[in-house]
Amino acid sequence: MRRIPSYMMPHRITLEQRTGDSSLGPVYTKKEFVPAVVQIKQVIQQGANGPVVVRDGTVLVHPNIALTNEARVTFRGVTYKVVGVQPEEDGFGHIVFYRGSLLK
């Protein structure tokens, strides 16, 4: 098994890699539209001032897509921060996809 075929990645995300900081804040690359699989979970937690909606999720992208920590992913109009990236391999040591953890 090499990689997930594009037809099995039904979502389109906007990906912006963080390249550094400036005096105005974080600097990102130009927006890139890539195929992906996205799973978003929304949980209501009790905060100090009442209920708080927490959104997090997972994104899967092809191994040829550079997915790094602190990148921005926009899916269905909501922008998330990538807080962790893990390569997923087949049984032969080939990277099949990257799994990114998302946080709103």
C-alpha atoms as a PDB file:
ATOM      1  CA  MET A   1       0.000   0.000   0.000  1.00  0.00           C
ATOM      2  CA  ARG A   2       1.517   3.334  -1.023  1.00  0.00           C
ATOM      3  CA  ARG A   3      -0.815   6.221  -0.265  1.00  0.00           C
ATOM      4  CA  ILE A   4      -4.482   7.072  -0.018  1.00  0.00           C
ATOM      5  CA  PRO A   5      -5.899   7.695  -3.517  1.00  0.00           C
ATOM      6  CA  SER A   6      -7.239  11.223  -4.106  1.00  0.00           C
ATOM      7  CA  TYR A   7     -10.775   9.964  -4.688  1.00  0.00           C
ATOM      8  CA  MET A   8     -10.780   8.714  -1.085  1.00  0.00           C
ATOM      9  CA  MET A   9      -9.999  12.220   0.176  1.00  0.00           C
ATOM     10  CA  PRO A  10     -13.413  13.857  -0.236  1.00  0.00           C
ATOM     11  CA  HIS A  11     -12.682  17.210   1.439  1.00  0.00           C
ATOM     12  CA  ARG A  12     -10.770  20.272   0.291  1.00  0.00           C
ATOM     13  CA  ILE A  13      -8.886  22.316   2.852  1.00  0.00           C
ATOM     14  CA  THR A  14      -6.921  25.531   2.695  1.00  0.00           C
ATOM     15  CA  LEU A  15      -3.440  25.001   4.111  1.00  0.00           C
ATOM     16  CA  GLU A  16      -1.052  27.781   5.177  1.00  0.00           C
ATOM     17  CA  GLN A  17       2.334  26.834   6.634  1.00  0.00           C
ATOM     18  CA  ARG A  18       3.763  29.038   9.359  1.00  0.00           C
ATOM     19  CA  THR A  19       7.158  30.368   8.275  1.00  0.00           C
ATOM     20  CA  GLY A  20       8.029  32.607  11.215  1.00  0.00           C
ATOM     21  CA  ASP A  21       7.105  35.775  13.060  1.00  0.00           C
ATOM     22  CA  SER A  22       7.111  39.459  12.281  1.00  0.00           C
ATOM     23  CA  SER A  23       6.408  42.525  14.370  1.00  0.00           C
ATOM     24  CA  LEU A  24       2.748  42.158  13.340  1.00  0.00           C
ATOM     25  CA  GLY A  25       2.450  38.489  14.328  1.00  0.00           C
ATOM     26  CA  PRO A  26       2.860  35.078  12.661  1.00  0.00           C
ATOM     27  CA  VAL A  27       3.836  34.873   8.972  1.00  0.00           C
ATOM     28  CA  TYR A  28       2.258  32.193   6.766  1.00  0.00           C
ATOM     29  CA  THR A  29       2.820  30.896   3.243  1.00  0.00           C
ATOM     30  CA  LYS A  30       0.409  31.500   0.403  1.00  0.00           C
ATOM     31  CA  LYS A  31      -2.848  29.546   0.706  1.00  0.00           C
ATOM     32  CA  GLU A  32      -2.749  26.104  -0.853  1.00  0.00           C
ATOM     33  CA  PHE A  33      -5.871  24.049  -1.612  1.00  0.00           C
ATOM     34  CA  VAL A  34      -5.298  20.348  -0.947  1.00  0.00           C
ATOM     35  CA  PRO A  35      -7.431  17.187  -0.821  1.00  0.00           C
ATOM     36  CA  ALA A  36      -7.882  15.770   2.659  1.00  0.00           C
ATOM     37  CA  VAL A  37      -9.995  13.749   5.030  1.00  0.00           C
ATOM     38  CA  VAL A  38     -11.242  15.882   7.918  1.00  0.00           C
ATOM     39  CA  GLN A  39     -13.024  14.819  11.100  1.00  0.00           C
ATOM     40  CA  ILE A  40     -14.182  17.608  13.435  1.00  0.00           C
ATOM     41  CA  LYS A  41     -15.452  17.040  16.949  1.00  0.00           C
ATOM     42  CA  GLN A  42     -17.337  19.678  18.899  1.00  0.00           C
ATOM     43  CA  VAL A  43     -17.695  19.342  22.677  1.00  0.00           C
ATOM     44  CA  ILE A  44     -19.442  21.604  25.163  1.00  0.00           C
ATOM     45  CA  GLN A  45     -17.464  21.907  28.397  1.00  0.00           C
ATOM     46  CA  GLN A  46     -18.329  23.731  31.593  1.00  0.00           C
ATOM     47  CA  GLY A  47     -16.038  26.738  31.977  1.00  0.00           C
ATOM     48  CA  ALA A  48     -15.654  29.218  34.816  1.00  0.00           C
ATOM     49  CA  ASN A  49     -18.190  31.565  33.189  1.00  0.00           C
ATOM     50  CA  GLY A  50     -20.584  28.922  31.851  1.00  0.00           C
ATOM     51  CA  PRO A  51     -20.595  26.486  28.930  1.00  0.00           C
ATOM     52  CA  VAL A  52     -17.729  26.710  26.425  1.00  0.00           C
ATOM     53  CA  VAL A  53     -17.726  25.139  22.957  1.00  0.00           C
ATOM     54  CA  VAL A  54     -14.437  23.395  22.181  1.00  0.00           C
ATOM     55  CA  ARG A  55     -13.708  22.266  18.625  1.00  0.00           C
ATOM     56  CA  ASP A  56     -10.898  19.961  17.659  1.00  0.00           C
ATOM     57  CA  GLY A  57     -10.305  17.449  14.943  1.00  0.00           C
ATOM     58  CA  THR A  58      -8.035  15.434  12.735  1.00  0.00           C
ATOM     59  CA  VAL A  59      -6.873  15.997   9.171  1.00  0.00           C
ATOM     60  CA  LEU A  60      -5.280  13.392   6.893  1.00  0.00           C
ATOM     61  CA  VAL A  61      -3.220  14.545   3.899  1.00  0.00           C
ATOM     62  CA  HIS A  62      -1.056  12.864   1.259  1.00  0.00           C
ATOM     63  CA  PRO A  63       2.590  12.300   2.178  1.00  0.00           C
ATOM     64  CA  ASN A  64       3.718  14.769  -0.510  1.00  0.00           C
ATOM     65  CA  ILE A  65       1.926  17.605   1.326  1.00  0.00           C
ATOM     66  CA  ALA A  66       4.067  19.398   3.896  1.00  0.00           C
ATOM     67  CA  LEU A  67       2.010  19.514   7.086  1.00  0.00           C
ATOM     68  CA  THR A  68       3.792  21.098  10.028  1.00  0.00           C
ATOM     69  CA  ASN A  69       2.996  22.158  13.577  1.00  0.00           C
ATOM     70  CA  GLU A  70       1.437  25.614  13.827  1.00  0.00           C
ATOM     71  CA  ALA A  71       0.146  25.519  10.234  1.00  0.00           C
ATOM     72  CA  ARG A  72      -3.356  26.899   9.618  1.00  0.00           C
ATOM     73  CA  VAL A  73      -6.049  24.675   8.144  1.00  0.00           C
ATOM     74  CA  THR A  74      -9.356  26.153   7.008  1.00  0.00           C
ATOM     75  CA  PHE A  75     -12.250  23.730   6.564  1.00  0.00           C
ATOM     76  CA  ARG A  76     -15.835  24.811   5.847  1.00  0.00           C
ATOM     77  CA  GLY A  77     -15.045  28.400   6.773  1.00  0.00           C
ATOM     78  CA  VAL A  78     -13.468  27.621  10.158  1.00  0.00           C
ATOM     79  CA  THR A  79      -9.719  28.020  10.706  1.00  0.00           C
ATOM     80  CA  TYR A  80      -7.854  25.569  12.927  1.00  0.00           C
ATOM     81  CA  LYS A  81      -4.268  25.385  14.166  1.00  0.00           C
ATOM     82  CA  VAL A  82      -2.238  22.205  13.627  1.00  0.00           C
ATOM     83  CA  VAL A  83      -0.947  21.172  17.065  1.00  0.00           C
ATOM     84  CA  GLY A  84       0.627  17.828  16.194  1.00  0.00           C
ATOM     85  CA  VAL A  85       1.689  15.891  13.102  1.00  0.00           C
ATOM     86  CA  GLN A  86       2.300  12.171  12.880  1.00  0.00           C
ATOM     87  CA  PRO A  87       3.297  10.125   9.811  1.00  0.00           C
ATOM     88  CA  GLU A  88       1.291   6.929   9.303  1.00  0.00           C
ATOM     89  CA  GLU A  89       3.200   4.109   7.627  1.00  0.00           C
ATOM     90  CA  ASP A  90       2.282   0.880   5.907  1.00  0.00           C
ATOM     91  CA  GLY A  91       3.979  -2.343   6.962  1.00  0.00           C
ATOM     92  CA  PHE A  92       6.998  -1.633   4.750  1.00  0.00           C
ATOM     93  CA  GLY A  93       8.081   1.713   6.201  1.00  0.00           C
ATOM     94  CA  HIS A  94       6.446   3.849   3.496  1.00  0.00           C
ATOM     95  CA  ILE A  95       4.514   6.892   4.690  1.00  0.00           C
ATOM     96  CA  VAL A  96       0.910   6.520   3.535  1.00  0.00           C
ATOM     97  CA  PHE A  97      -0.411   9.823   4.922  1.00  0.00           C
ATOM     98  CA  TYR A  98       0.197  12.449   7.571  1.00  0.00           C
ATOM     99  CA  ARG A  99      -2.254  12.791  10.455  1.00  0.00           C
ATOM    100  CA  GLY A 100      -2.555  16.291  11.885  1.00  0.00           C
ATOM    101  CA  SER A 101      -4.305  17.193  15.121  1.00  0.00           C
ATOM    102  CA  LEU A 102      -6.414  20.343  14.859  1.00  0.00           C
ATOM    103  CA  LEU A 103      -7.458  22.824  17.524  1.00  0.00           C
ATOM    104  CA  LYS A 104      -9.801  25.792  17.169  1.00  0.00           C
END
